[in-house]
Amino acid sequence: DKIVFLPWGKLVDQWRWKVFSGEIRPEQYNKAWWALR
C-alpha cells in the first residue's frame, strides 16, 4: 500500500499539469496518461 502508492501519487498531477500547460493536447489525453503510467 505505502510504497506502491508513491509513483501513482506523483503521476496523476504530472499528467494534469501537462494538460493545463498545453504540453498534452486533448487528442493525446489517453496516450499521454499511459505513457506516464
PDB file of all heavy atoms in Angstrom:
ATOM      1  N   ASP A   1       0.827  -1.210   0.000  1.00  0.00           N
ATOM      2  CA  ASP A   1       0.000   0.000   0.000  1.00  0.00           C
ATOM      3  C   ASP A   1       0.861   1.259   0.000  1.00  0.00           C
ATOM      4  O   ASP A   1       0.697   2.134  -0.843  1.00  0.00           O
ATOM      5  CB  ASP A   1      -0.928   0.020   1.219  1.00  0.00           C
ATOM      6  CG  ASP A   1      -2.097  -0.934   1.068  1.00  0.00           C
ATOM      7  OD1 ASP A   1      -2.428  -1.272  -0.077  1.00  0.00           O
ATOM      8  OD2 ASP A   1      -2.659  -1.349   2.093  1.00  0.00           O
ATOM      9  N   LYS A   2       1.788   1.348   0.938  1.00  0.00           N
ATOM     10  CA  LYS A   2       2.507   2.607   1.167  1.00  0.00           C
ATOM     11  C   LYS A   2       3.571   2.909   0.109  1.00  0.00           C
ATOM     12  O   LYS A   2       3.644   4.040  -0.391  1.00  0.00           O
ATOM     13  CB  LYS A   2       3.161   2.584   2.557  1.00  0.00           C
ATOM     14  CG  LYS A   2       2.182   2.427   3.711  1.00  0.00           C
ATOM     15  CD  LYS A   2       1.238   3.611   3.823  1.00  0.00           C
ATOM     16  CE  LYS A   2       0.380   3.500   5.077  1.00  0.00           C
ATOM     17  NZ  LYS A   2      -0.579   4.619   5.192  1.00  0.00           N
ATOM     18  N   ILE A   3       4.390   1.938  -0.226  1.00  0.00           N
ATOM     19  CA  ILE A   3       5.438   2.180  -1.221  1.00  0.00           C
ATOM     20  C   ILE A   3       4.851   2.176  -2.628  1.00  0.00           C
ATOM     21  O   ILE A   3       5.203   3.005  -3.469  1.00  0.00           O
ATOM     22  CB  ILE A   3       6.567   1.143  -1.080  1.00  0.00           C
ATOM     23  CG1 ILE A   3       7.307   1.356   0.248  1.00  0.00           C
ATOM     24  CG2 ILE A   3       7.545   1.255  -2.245  1.00  0.00           C
ATOM     25  CD1 ILE A   3       8.404   0.349   0.518  1.00  0.00           C
ATOM     26  N   VAL A   4       3.953   1.247  -2.875  1.00  0.00           N
ATOM     27  CA  VAL A   4       3.343   1.144  -4.200  1.00  0.00           C
ATOM     28  C   VAL A   4       2.634   2.428  -4.597  1.00  0.00           C
ATOM     29  O   VAL A   4       2.616   2.810  -5.772  1.00  0.00           O
ATOM     30  CB  VAL A   4       2.369  -0.054  -4.218  1.00  0.00           C
ATOM     31  CG1 VAL A   4       1.384   0.054  -5.365  1.00  0.00           C
ATOM     32  CG2 VAL A   4       3.148  -1.356  -4.312  1.00  0.00           C
ATOM     33  N   PHE A   5       2.054   3.120  -3.632  1.00  0.00           N
ATOM     34  CA  PHE A   5       1.271   4.312  -3.948  1.00  0.00           C
ATOM     35  C   PHE A   5       2.125   5.469  -4.478  1.00  0.00           C
ATOM     36  O   PHE A   5       1.628   6.317  -5.230  1.00  0.00           O
ATOM     37  CB  PHE A   5       0.519   4.787  -2.697  1.00  0.00           C
ATOM     38  CG  PHE A   5      -0.329   6.012  -2.946  1.00  0.00           C
ATOM     39  CD1 PHE A   5      -1.606   5.889  -3.446  1.00  0.00           C
ATOM     40  CD2 PHE A   5       0.165   7.282  -2.693  1.00  0.00           C
ATOM     41  CE1 PHE A   5      -2.382   7.009  -3.697  1.00  0.00           C
ATOM     42  CE2 PHE A   5      -0.595   8.411  -2.934  1.00  0.00           C
ATOM     43  CZ  PHE A   5      -1.881   8.275  -3.434  1.00  0.00           C
ATOM     44  N   LEU A   6       3.378   5.528  -4.113  1.00  0.00           N
ATOM     45  CA  LEU A   6       4.192   6.729  -4.347  1.00  0.00           C
ATOM     46  C   LEU A   6       4.250   7.173  -5.810  1.00  0.00           C
ATOM     47  O   LEU A   6       4.014   8.354  -6.105  1.00  0.00           O
ATOM     48  CB  LEU A   6       5.589   6.522  -3.776  1.00  0.00           C
ATOM     49  CG  LEU A   6       5.632   6.442  -2.240  1.00  0.00           C
ATOM     50  CD1 LEU A   6       6.963   5.864  -1.769  1.00  0.00           C
ATOM     51  CD2 LEU A   6       5.403   7.809  -1.623  1.00  0.00           C
ATOM     52  N   PRO A   7       4.568   6.308  -6.773  1.00  0.00           N
ATOM     53  CA  PRO A   7       4.591   6.798  -8.155  1.00  0.00           C
ATOM     54  C   PRO A   7       3.225   7.217  -8.661  1.00  0.00           C
ATOM     55  O   PRO A   7       3.103   8.185  -9.425  1.00  0.00           O
ATOM     56  CB  PRO A   7       5.150   5.611  -8.947  1.00  0.00           C
ATOM     57  CG  PRO A   7       4.860   4.417  -8.096  1.00  0.00           C
ATOM     58  CD  PRO A   7       4.969   4.899  -6.683  1.00  0.00           C
ATOM     59  N   TRP A   8       2.195   6.503  -8.256  1.00  0.00           N
ATOM     60  CA  TRP A   8       0.831   6.888  -8.626  1.00  0.00           C
ATOM     61  C   TRP A   8       0.499   8.266  -8.058  1.00  0.00           C
ATOM     62  O   TRP A   8      -0.059   9.128  -8.749  1.00  0.00           O
ATOM     63  CB  TRP A   8      -0.169   5.848  -8.126  1.00  0.00           C
ATOM     64  CG  TRP A   8      -1.594   6.295  -8.194  1.00  0.00           C
ATOM     65  CD1 TRP A   8      -2.348   6.799  -7.174  1.00  0.00           C
ATOM     66  CD2 TRP A   8      -2.443   6.306  -9.341  1.00  0.00           C
ATOM     67  NE1 TRP A   8      -3.609   7.113  -7.603  1.00  0.00           N
ATOM     68  CE2 TRP A   8      -3.694   6.820  -8.939  1.00  0.00           C
ATOM     69  CE3 TRP A   8      -2.279   5.925 -10.667  1.00  0.00           C
ATOM     70  CZ2 TRP A   8      -4.767   6.963  -9.813  1.00  0.00           C
ATOM     71  CZ3 TRP A   8      -3.352   6.064 -11.539  1.00  0.00           C
ATOM     72  CH2 TRP A   8      -4.572   6.579 -11.116  1.00  0.00           C
ATOM     73  N   GLY A   9       0.868   8.487  -6.797  1.00  0.00           N
ATOM     74  CA  GLY A   9       0.586   9.772  -6.161  1.00  0.00           C
ATOM     75  C   GLY A   9       1.265  10.923  -6.869  1.00  0.00           C
ATOM     76  O   GLY A   9       0.792  12.061  -6.823  1.00  0.00           O
ATOM     77  N   LYS A  10       2.365  10.648  -7.536  1.00  0.00           N
ATOM     78  CA  LYS A  10       3.084  11.683  -8.271  1.00  0.00           C
ATOM     79  C   LYS A  10       2.532  11.891  -9.678  1.00  0.00           C
ATOM     80  O   LYS A  10       2.382  13.017 -10.148  1.00  0.00           O
ATOM     81  CB  LYS A  10       4.570  11.329  -8.347  1.00  0.00           C
ATOM     82  CG  LYS A  10       5.447  12.377  -9.040  1.00  0.00           C
ATOM     83  CD  LYS A  10       6.907  11.955  -9.009  1.00  0.00           C
ATOM     84  CE  LYS A  10       7.827  13.068  -9.501  1.00  0.00           C
ATOM     85  NZ  LYS A  10       7.653  13.370 -10.928  1.00  0.00           N
ATOM     86  N   LEU A  11       2.199  10.822 -10.380  1.00  0.00           N
ATOM     87  CA  LEU A  11       1.936  10.929 -11.818  1.00  0.00           C
ATOM     88  C   LEU A  11       0.592  11.564 -12.162  1.00  0.00           C
ATOM     89  O   LEU A  11       0.444  12.139 -13.249  1.00  0.00           O
ATOM     90  CB  LEU A  11       2.061   9.559 -12.478  1.00  0.00           C
ATOM     91  CG  LEU A  11       0.935   8.533 -12.278  1.00  0.00           C
ATOM     92  CD1 LEU A  11      -0.197   8.677 -13.284  1.00  0.00           C
ATOM     93  CD2 LEU A  11       1.504   7.102 -12.362  1.00  0.00           C
ATOM     94  N   VAL A  12      -0.408  11.448 -11.279  1.00  0.00           N
ATOM     95  CA  VAL A  12      -1.734  11.981 -11.609  1.00  0.00           C
ATOM     96  C   VAL A  12      -1.650  13.470 -11.922  1.00  0.00           C
ATOM     97  O   VAL A  12      -2.191  13.945 -12.933  1.00  0.00           O
ATOM     98  CB  VAL A  12      -2.745  11.712 -10.479  1.00  0.00           C
ATOM     99  CG1 VAL A  12      -4.087  12.401 -10.779  1.00  0.00           C
ATOM    100  CG2 VAL A  12      -2.962  10.213 -10.293  1.00  0.00           C
ATOM    101  N   ASP A  13      -0.952  14.208 -11.070  1.00  0.00           N
ATOM    102  CA  ASP A  13      -0.825  15.648 -11.337  1.00  0.00           C
ATOM    103  C   ASP A  13       0.250  15.948 -12.373  1.00  0.00           C
ATOM    104  O   ASP A  13       0.197  17.000 -13.021  1.00  0.00           O
ATOM    105  CB  ASP A  13      -0.547  16.417 -10.043  1.00  0.00           C
ATOM    106  CG  ASP A  13      -1.826  16.698  -9.272  1.00  0.00           C
ATOM    107  OD1 ASP A  13      -2.921  16.459  -9.819  1.00  0.00           O
ATOM    108  OD2 ASP A  13      -1.732  17.152  -8.115  1.00  0.00           O
ATOM    109  N   GLN A  14       1.227  15.053 -12.538  1.00  0.00           N
ATOM    110  CA  GLN A  14       2.152  15.246 -13.645  1.00  0.00           C
ATOM    111  C   GLN A  14       1.367  15.302 -14.955  1.00  0.00           C
ATOM    112  O   GLN A  14       1.656  16.120 -15.831  1.00  0.00           O
ATOM    113  CB  GLN A  14       3.177  14.099 -13.698  1.00  0.00           C
ATOM    114  CG  GLN A  14       4.116  14.042 -12.507  1.00  0.00           C
ATOM    115  CD  GLN A  14       5.117  15.182 -12.475  1.00  0.00           C
ATOM    116  OE1 GLN A  14       5.690  15.524 -13.493  1.00  0.00           O
ATOM    117  NE2 GLN A  14       5.322  15.768 -11.312  1.00  0.00           N
ATOM    118  N   TRP A  15       0.386  14.432 -15.096  1.00  0.00           N
ATOM    119  CA  TRP A  15      -0.471  14.437 -16.288  1.00  0.00           C
ATOM    120  C   TRP A  15      -1.281  15.731 -16.362  1.00  0.00           C
ATOM    121  O   TRP A  15      -1.309  16.395 -17.397  1.00  0.00           O
ATOM    122  CB  TRP A  15      -1.403  13.223 -16.266  1.00  0.00           C
ATOM    123  CG  TRP A  15      -2.346  13.157 -17.434  1.00  0.00           C
ATOM    124  CD1 TRP A  15      -2.069  12.666 -18.683  1.00  0.00           C
ATOM    125  CD2 TRP A  15      -3.702  13.595 -17.464  1.00  0.00           C
ATOM    126  NE1 TRP A  15      -3.172  12.779 -19.486  1.00  0.00           N
ATOM    127  CE2 TRP A  15      -4.193  13.340 -18.771  1.00  0.00           C
ATOM    128  CE3 TRP A  15      -4.556  14.171 -16.526  1.00  0.00           C
ATOM    129  CZ2 TRP A  15      -5.495  13.648 -19.157  1.00  0.00           C
ATOM    130  CZ3 TRP A  15      -5.856  14.483 -16.909  1.00  0.00           C
ATOM    131  CH2 TRP A  15      -6.318  14.225 -18.199  1.00  0.00           C
ATOM    132  N   ARG A  16      -1.906  16.100 -15.250  1.00  0.00           N
ATOM    133  CA  ARG A  16      -2.765  17.294 -15.289  1.00  0.00           C
ATOM    134  C   ARG A  16      -1.960  18.561 -15.539  1.00  0.00           C
ATOM    135  O   ARG A  16      -2.403  19.448 -16.280  1.00  0.00           O
ATOM    136  CB  ARG A  16      -3.582  17.407 -13.996  1.00  0.00           C
ATOM    137  CG  ARG A  16      -4.811  16.530 -14.037  1.00  0.00           C
ATOM    138  CD  ARG A  16      -5.780  16.851 -12.932  1.00  0.00           C
ATOM    139  NE  ARG A  16      -5.309  16.394 -11.637  1.00  0.00           N
ATOM    140  CZ  ARG A  16      -6.109  16.194 -10.599  1.00  0.00           C
ATOM    141  NH1 ARG A  16      -7.400  16.440 -10.696  1.00  0.00           N
ATOM    142  NH2 ARG A  16      -5.629  15.769  -9.450  1.00  0.00           N
ATOM    143  N   TRP A  17      -0.807  18.678 -14.907  1.00  0.00           N
ATOM    144  CA  TRP A  17      -0.003  19.881 -15.121  1.00  0.00           C
ATOM    145  C   TRP A  17       0.374  20.021 -16.598  1.00  0.00           C
ATOM    146  O   TRP A  17       0.382  21.137 -17.135  1.00  0.00           O
ATOM    147  CB  TRP A  17       1.261  19.830 -14.263  1.00  0.00           C
ATOM    148  CG  TRP A  17       0.987  19.870 -12.787  1.00  0.00           C
ATOM    149  CD1 TRP A  17      -0.190  20.234 -12.163  1.00  0.00           C
ATOM    150  CD2 TRP A  17       1.887  19.521 -11.729  1.00  0.00           C
ATOM    151  NE1 TRP A  17      -0.064  20.124 -10.800  1.00  0.00           N
ATOM    152  CE2 TRP A  17       1.202  19.690 -10.507  1.00  0.00           C
ATOM    153  CE3 TRP A  17       3.208  19.074 -11.709  1.00  0.00           C
ATOM    154  CZ2 TRP A  17       1.797  19.444  -9.270  1.00  0.00           C
ATOM    155  CZ3 TRP A  17       3.806  18.821 -10.477  1.00  0.00           C
ATOM    156  CH2 TRP A  17       3.111  19.003  -9.271  1.00  0.00           C
ATOM    157  N   LYS A  18       0.668  18.901 -17.250  1.00  0.00           N
ATOM    158  CA  LYS A  18       0.991  18.952 -18.673  1.00  0.00           C
ATOM    159  C   LYS A  18      -0.250  19.264 -19.513  1.00  0.00           C
ATOM    160  O   LYS A  18      -0.155  19.938 -20.550  1.00  0.00           O
ATOM    161  CB  LYS A  18       1.614  17.624 -19.112  1.00  0.00           C
ATOM    162  CG  LYS A  18       2.999  17.346 -18.514  1.00  0.00           C
ATOM    163  CD  LYS A  18       3.508  15.963 -18.912  1.00  0.00           C
ATOM    164  CE  LYS A  18       4.820  15.612 -18.226  1.00  0.00           C
ATOM    165  NZ  LYS A  18       5.934  16.441 -18.712  1.00  0.00           N
ATOM    166  N   VAL A  19      -1.401  18.794 -19.077  1.00  0.00           N
ATOM    167  CA  VAL A  19      -2.653  19.145 -19.755  1.00  0.00           C
ATOM    168  C   VAL A  19      -2.918  20.642 -19.612  1.00  0.00           C
ATOM    169  O   VAL A  19      -3.238  21.339 -20.585  1.00  0.00           O
ATOM    170  CB  VAL A  19      -3.831  18.327 -19.193  1.00  0.00           C
ATOM    171  CG1 VAL A  19      -5.175  18.892 -19.672  1.00  0.00           C
ATOM    172  CG2 VAL A  19      -3.706  16.863 -19.598  1.00  0.00           C
ATOM    173  N   PHE A  20      -2.780  21.151 -18.393  1.00  0.00           N
ATOM    174  CA  PHE A  20      -3.037  22.572 -18.146  1.00  0.00           C
ATOM    175  C   PHE A  20      -2.087  23.461 -18.952  1.00  0.00           C
ATOM    176  O   PHE A  20      -2.481  24.511 -19.449  1.00  0.00           O
ATOM    177  CB  PHE A  20      -2.897  22.892 -16.654  1.00  0.00           C
ATOM    178  CG  PHE A  20      -3.929  22.249 -15.772  1.00  0.00           C
ATOM    179  CD1 PHE A  20      -3.599  21.858 -14.468  1.00  0.00           C
ATOM    180  CD2 PHE A  20      -5.218  22.033 -16.209  1.00  0.00           C
ATOM    181  CE1 PHE A  20      -4.543  21.266 -13.639  1.00  0.00           C
ATOM    182  CE2 PHE A  20      -6.172  21.434 -15.390  1.00  0.00           C
ATOM    183  CZ  PHE A  20      -5.832  21.053 -14.105  1.00  0.00           C
ATOM    184  N   SER A  21      -0.833  23.048 -19.079  1.00  0.00           N
ATOM    185  CA  SER A  21       0.153  23.873 -19.774  1.00  0.00           C
ATOM    186  C   SER A  21       0.029  23.778 -21.285  1.00  0.00           C
ATOM    187  O   SER A  21       0.623  24.583 -22.013  1.00  0.00           O
ATOM    188  CB  SER A  21       1.575  23.459 -19.363  1.00  0.00           C
ATOM    189  OG  SER A  21       1.917  22.204 -19.925  1.00  0.00           O
ATOM    190  N   GLY A  22      -0.732  22.797 -21.769  1.00  0.00           N
ATOM    191  CA  GLY A  22      -0.872  22.608 -23.201  1.00  0.00           C
ATOM    192  C   GLY A  22       0.142  21.654 -23.789  1.00  0.00           C
ATOM    193  O   GLY A  22       0.100  21.352 -24.984  1.00  0.00           O
ATOM    194  N   GLU A  23       1.067  21.151 -22.969  1.00  0.00           N
ATOM    195  CA  GLU A  23       2.044  20.184 -23.463  1.00  0.00           C
ATOM    196  C   GLU A  23       1.352  18.910 -23.931  1.00  0.00           C
ATOM    197  O   GLU A  23       1.780  18.272 -24.902  1.00  0.00           O
ATOM    198  CB  GLU A  23       3.074  19.869 -22.372  1.00  0.00           C
ATOM    199  CG  GLU A  23       4.152  18.897 -22.814  1.00  0.00           C
ATOM    200  CD  GLU A  23       5.183  18.618 -21.731  1.00  0.00           C
ATOM    201  OE1 GLU A  23       5.268  19.404 -20.754  1.00  0.00           O
ATOM    202  OE2 GLU A  23       5.909  17.613 -21.857  1.00  0.00           O
ATOM    203  N   ILE A  24       0.284  18.521 -23.218  1.00  0.00           N
ATOM    204  CA  ILE A  24      -0.553  17.403 -23.646  1.00  0.00           C
ATOM    205  C   ILE A  24      -1.824  17.988 -24.255  1.00  0.00           C
ATOM    206  O   ILE A  24      -2.600  18.655 -23.565  1.00  0.00           O
ATOM    207  CB  ILE A  24      -0.906  16.474 -22.471  1.00  0.00           C
ATOM    208  CG1 ILE A  24       0.359  15.808 -21.912  1.00  0.00           C
ATOM    209  CG2 ILE A  24      -1.905  15.404 -22.913  1.00  0.00           C
ATOM    210  CD1 ILE A  24       0.110  14.983 -20.657  1.00  0.00           C
ATOM    211  N   ARG A  25      -2.053  17.721 -25.528  1.00  0.00           N
ATOM    212  CA  ARG A  25      -3.232  18.226 -26.215  1.00  0.00           C
ATOM    213  C   ARG A  25      -4.401  17.257 -26.021  1.00  0.00           C
ATOM    214  O   ARG A  25      -4.187  16.071 -25.710  1.00  0.00           O
ATOM    215  CB  ARG A  25      -2.945  18.414 -27.705  1.00  0.00           C
ATOM    216  CG  ARG A  25      -1.822  19.424 -27.975  1.00  0.00           C
ATOM    217  CD  ARG A  25      -1.679  19.717 -29.467  1.00  0.00           C
ATOM    218  NE  ARG A  25      -1.410  18.508 -30.238  1.00  0.00           N
ATOM    219  CZ  ARG A  25      -0.206  17.985 -30.429  1.00  0.00           C
ATOM    220  NH1 ARG A  25       0.861  18.555 -29.872  1.00  0.00           N
ATOM    221  NH2 ARG A  25      -0.052  16.886 -31.153  1.00  0.00           N
ATOM    222  N   PRO A  26      -5.642  17.713 -26.179  1.00  0.00           N
ATOM    223  CA  PRO A  26      -6.807  16.848 -25.933  1.00  0.00           C
ATOM    224  C   PRO A  26      -6.770  15.515 -26.669  1.00  0.00           C
ATOM    225  O   PRO A  26      -7.160  14.485 -26.106  1.00  0.00           O
ATOM    226  CB  PRO A  26      -7.978  17.715 -26.387  1.00  0.00           C
ATOM    227  CG  PRO A  26      -7.524  19.109 -26.118  1.00  0.00           C
ATOM    228  CD  PRO A  26      -6.058  19.108 -26.452  1.00  0.00           C
ATOM    229  N   GLU A  27      -6.307  15.505 -27.913  1.00  0.00           N
ATOM    230  CA  GLU A  27      -6.276  14.245 -28.656  1.00  0.00           C
ATOM    231  C   GLU A  27      -5.208  13.290 -28.113  1.00  0.00           C
ATOM    232  O   GLU A  27      -5.180  12.102 -28.467  1.00  0.00           O
ATOM    233  CB  GLU A  27      -6.037  14.505 -30.139  1.00  0.00           C
ATOM    234  CG  GLU A  27      -4.685  15.112 -30.488  1.00  0.00           C
ATOM    235  CD  GLU A  27      -4.681  16.635 -30.460  1.00  0.00           C
ATOM    236  OE1 GLU A  27      -5.608  17.229 -29.846  1.00  0.00           O
ATOM    237  OE2 GLU A  27      -3.766  17.224 -31.059  1.00  0.00           O
ATOM    238  N   GLN A  28      -4.347  13.796 -27.225  1.00  0.00           N
ATOM    239  CA  GLN A  28      -3.288  12.975 -26.632  1.00  0.00           C
ATOM    240  C   GLN A  28      -3.593  12.579 -25.193  1.00  0.00           C
ATOM    241  O   GLN A  28      -2.758  11.927 -24.551  1.00  0.00           O
ATOM    242  CB  GLN A  28      -1.961  13.750 -26.644  1.00  0.00           C
ATOM    243  CG  GLN A  28      -1.468  14.152 -28.018  1.00  0.00           C
ATOM    244  CD  GLN A  28      -0.296  15.115 -27.931  1.00  0.00           C
ATOM    245  OE1 GLN A  28      -0.269  16.005 -27.069  1.00  0.00           O
ATOM    246  NE2 GLN A  28       0.683  14.950 -28.804  1.00  0.00           N
ATOM    247  N   TYR A  29      -4.749  12.970 -24.676  1.00  0.00           N
ATOM    248  CA  TYR A  29      -5.065  12.742 -23.265  1.00  0.00           C
ATOM    249  C   TYR A  29      -4.738  11.320 -22.831  1.00  0.00           C
ATOM    250  O   TYR A  29      -4.015  11.093 -21.861  1.00  0.00           O
ATOM    251  CB  TYR A  29      -6.547  13.008 -23.002  1.00  0.00           C
ATOM    252  CG  TYR A  29      -6.936  14.453 -22.798  1.00  0.00           C
ATOM    253  CD1 TYR A  29      -8.284  14.797 -22.671  1.00  0.00           C
ATOM    254  CD2 TYR A  29      -5.993  15.481 -22.732  1.00  0.00           C
ATOM    255  CE1 TYR A  29      -8.674  16.126 -22.472  1.00  0.00           C
ATOM    256  CE2 TYR A  29      -6.370  16.794 -22.541  1.00  0.00           C
ATOM    257  CZ  TYR A  29      -7.719  17.112 -22.411  1.00  0.00           C
ATOM    258  OH  TYR A  29      -8.106  18.418 -22.220  1.00  0.00           O
ATOM    259  N   ASN A  30      -5.298  10.335 -23.537  1.00  0.00           N
ATOM    260  CA  ASN A  30      -5.171   8.963 -23.065  1.00  0.00           C
ATOM    261  C   ASN A  30      -3.787   8.378 -23.337  1.00  0.00           C
ATOM    262  O   ASN A  30      -3.231   7.659 -22.509  1.00  0.00           O
ATOM    263  CB  ASN A  30      -6.251   8.078 -23.698  1.00  0.00           C
ATOM    264  CG  ASN A  30      -6.908   7.168 -22.680  1.00  0.00           C
ATOM    265  OD1 ASN A  30      -7.402   7.645 -21.648  1.00  0.00           O
ATOM    266  ND2 ASN A  30      -6.911   5.877 -22.933  1.00  0.00           N
ATOM    267  N   LYS A  31      -3.228   8.699 -24.482  1.00  0.00           N
ATOM    268  CA  LYS A  31      -1.894   8.187 -24.806  1.00  0.00           C
ATOM    269  C   LYS A  31      -0.859   8.704 -23.809  1.00  0.00           C
ATOM    270  O   LYS A  31      -0.002   7.952 -23.329  1.00  0.00           O
ATOM    271  CB  LYS A  31      -1.515   8.588 -26.230  1.00  0.00           C
ATOM    272  CG  LYS A  31      -0.215   7.959 -26.712  1.00  0.00           C
ATOM    273  CD  LYS A  31       0.058   8.313 -28.167  1.00  0.00           C
ATOM    274  CE  LYS A  31       1.350   7.642 -28.648  1.00  0.00           C
ATOM    275  NZ  LYS A  31       1.645   7.972 -30.057  1.00  0.00           N
ATOM    276  N   ALA A  32      -0.965   9.985 -23.478  1.00  0.00           N
ATOM    277  CA  ALA A  32      -0.026  10.572 -22.520  1.00  0.00           C
ATOM    278  C   ALA A  32      -0.225   9.992 -21.119  1.00  0.00           C
ATOM    279  O   ALA A  32       0.741   9.808 -20.364  1.00  0.00           O
ATOM    280  CB  ALA A  32      -0.188  12.085 -22.496  1.00  0.00           C
ATOM    281  N   TRP A  33      -1.465   9.711 -20.764  1.00  0.00           N
ATOM    282  CA  TRP A  33      -1.774   9.100 -19.466  1.00  0.00           C
ATOM    283  C   TRP A  33      -1.030   7.781 -19.308  1.00  0.00           C
ATOM    284  O   TRP A  33      -0.364   7.531 -18.296  1.00  0.00           O
ATOM    285  CB  TRP A  33      -3.276   8.895 -19.355  1.00  0.00           C
ATOM    286  CG  TRP A  33      -3.778   8.159 -18.153  1.00  0.00           C
ATOM    287  CD1 TRP A  33      -4.264   6.891 -18.123  1.00  0.00           C
ATOM    288  CD2 TRP A  33      -3.868   8.648 -16.804  1.00  0.00           C
ATOM    289  NE1 TRP A  33      -4.663   6.551 -16.853  1.00  0.00           N
ATOM    290  CE2 TRP A  33      -4.422   7.606 -16.020  1.00  0.00           C
ATOM    291  CE3 TRP A  33      -3.533   9.847 -16.195  1.00  0.00           C
ATOM    292  CZ2 TRP A  33      -4.649   7.749 -14.657  1.00  0.00           C
ATOM    293  CZ3 TRP A  33      -3.762   9.981 -14.820  1.00  0.00           C
ATOM    294  CH2 TRP A  33      -4.309   8.947 -14.068  1.00  0.00           C
ATOM    295  N   TRP A  34      -1.105   6.938 -20.326  1.00  0.00           N
ATOM    296  CA  TRP A  34      -0.453   5.631 -20.214  1.00  0.00           C
ATOM    297  C   TRP A  34       1.058   5.723 -20.359  1.00  0.00           C
ATOM    298  O   TRP A  34       1.797   4.897 -19.812  1.00  0.00           O
ATOM    299  CB  TRP A  34      -1.075   4.649 -21.210  1.00  0.00           C
ATOM    300  CG  TRP A  34      -2.409   4.200 -20.702  1.00  0.00           C
ATOM    301  CD1 TRP A  34      -3.641   4.591 -21.129  1.00  0.00           C
ATOM    302  CD2 TRP A  34      -2.626   3.328 -19.589  1.00  0.00           C
ATOM    303  NE1 TRP A  34      -4.636   4.011 -20.366  1.00  0.00           N
ATOM    304  CE2 TRP A  34      -4.031   3.224 -19.413  1.00  0.00           C
ATOM    305  CE3 TRP A  34      -1.793   2.623 -18.730  1.00  0.00           C
ATOM    306  CZ2 TRP A  34      -4.599   2.444 -18.416  1.00  0.00           C
ATOM    307  CZ3 TRP A  34      -2.360   1.844 -17.729  1.00  0.00           C
ATOM    308  CH2 TRP A  34      -3.740   1.758 -17.578  1.00  0.00           C
ATOM    309  N   ALA A  35       1.525   6.744 -21.053  1.00  0.00           N
ATOM    310  CA  ALA A  35       2.975   6.954 -21.113  1.00  0.00           C
ATOM    311  C   ALA A  35       3.526   7.256 -19.729  1.00  0.00           C
ATOM    312  O   ALA A  35       4.582   6.739 -19.329  1.00  0.00           O
ATOM    313  CB  ALA A  35       3.294   8.090 -22.079  1.00  0.00           C
ATOM    314  N   LEU A  36       2.807   8.080 -18.967  1.00  0.00           N
ATOM    315  CA  LEU A  36       3.243   8.411 -17.611  1.00  0.00           C
ATOM    316  C   LEU A  36       3.097   7.217 -16.675  1.00  0.00           C
ATOM    317  O   LEU A  36       3.933   7.005 -15.784  1.00  0.00           O
ATOM    318  CB  LEU A  36       2.449   9.602 -17.082  1.00  0.00           C
ATOM    319  CG  LEU A  36       2.829  10.958 -17.686  1.00  0.00           C
ATOM    320  CD1 LEU A  36       1.793  12.015 -17.320  1.00  0.00           C
ATOM    321  CD2 LEU A  36       4.210  11.399 -17.211  1.00  0.00           C
ATOM    322  N   ARG A  37       2.070   6.437 -16.869  1.00  0.00           N
ATOM    323  CA  ARG A  37       1.885   5.270 -16.007  1.00  0.00           C
ATOM    324  C   ARG A  37       2.979   4.229 -16.246  1.00  0.00           C
ATOM    325  O   ARG A  37       3.459   3.586 -15.309  1.00  0.00           O
ATOM    326  CB  ARG A  37       0.492   4.682 -16.222  1.00  0.00           C
ATOM    327  CG  ARG A  37      -0.613   5.661 -15.802  1.00  0.00           C
ATOM    328  CD  ARG A  37      -1.927   4.991 -15.557  1.00  0.00           C
ATOM    329  NE  ARG A  37      -1.837   4.077 -14.426  1.00  0.00           N
ATOM    330  CZ  ARG A  37      -2.851   3.320 -14.009  1.00  0.00           C
ATOM    331  NH1 ARG A  37      -4.018   3.379 -14.634  1.00  0.00           N
ATOM    332  NH2 ARG A  37      -2.705   2.510 -12.981  1.00  0.00           N
TER     333      ARG A  37
END
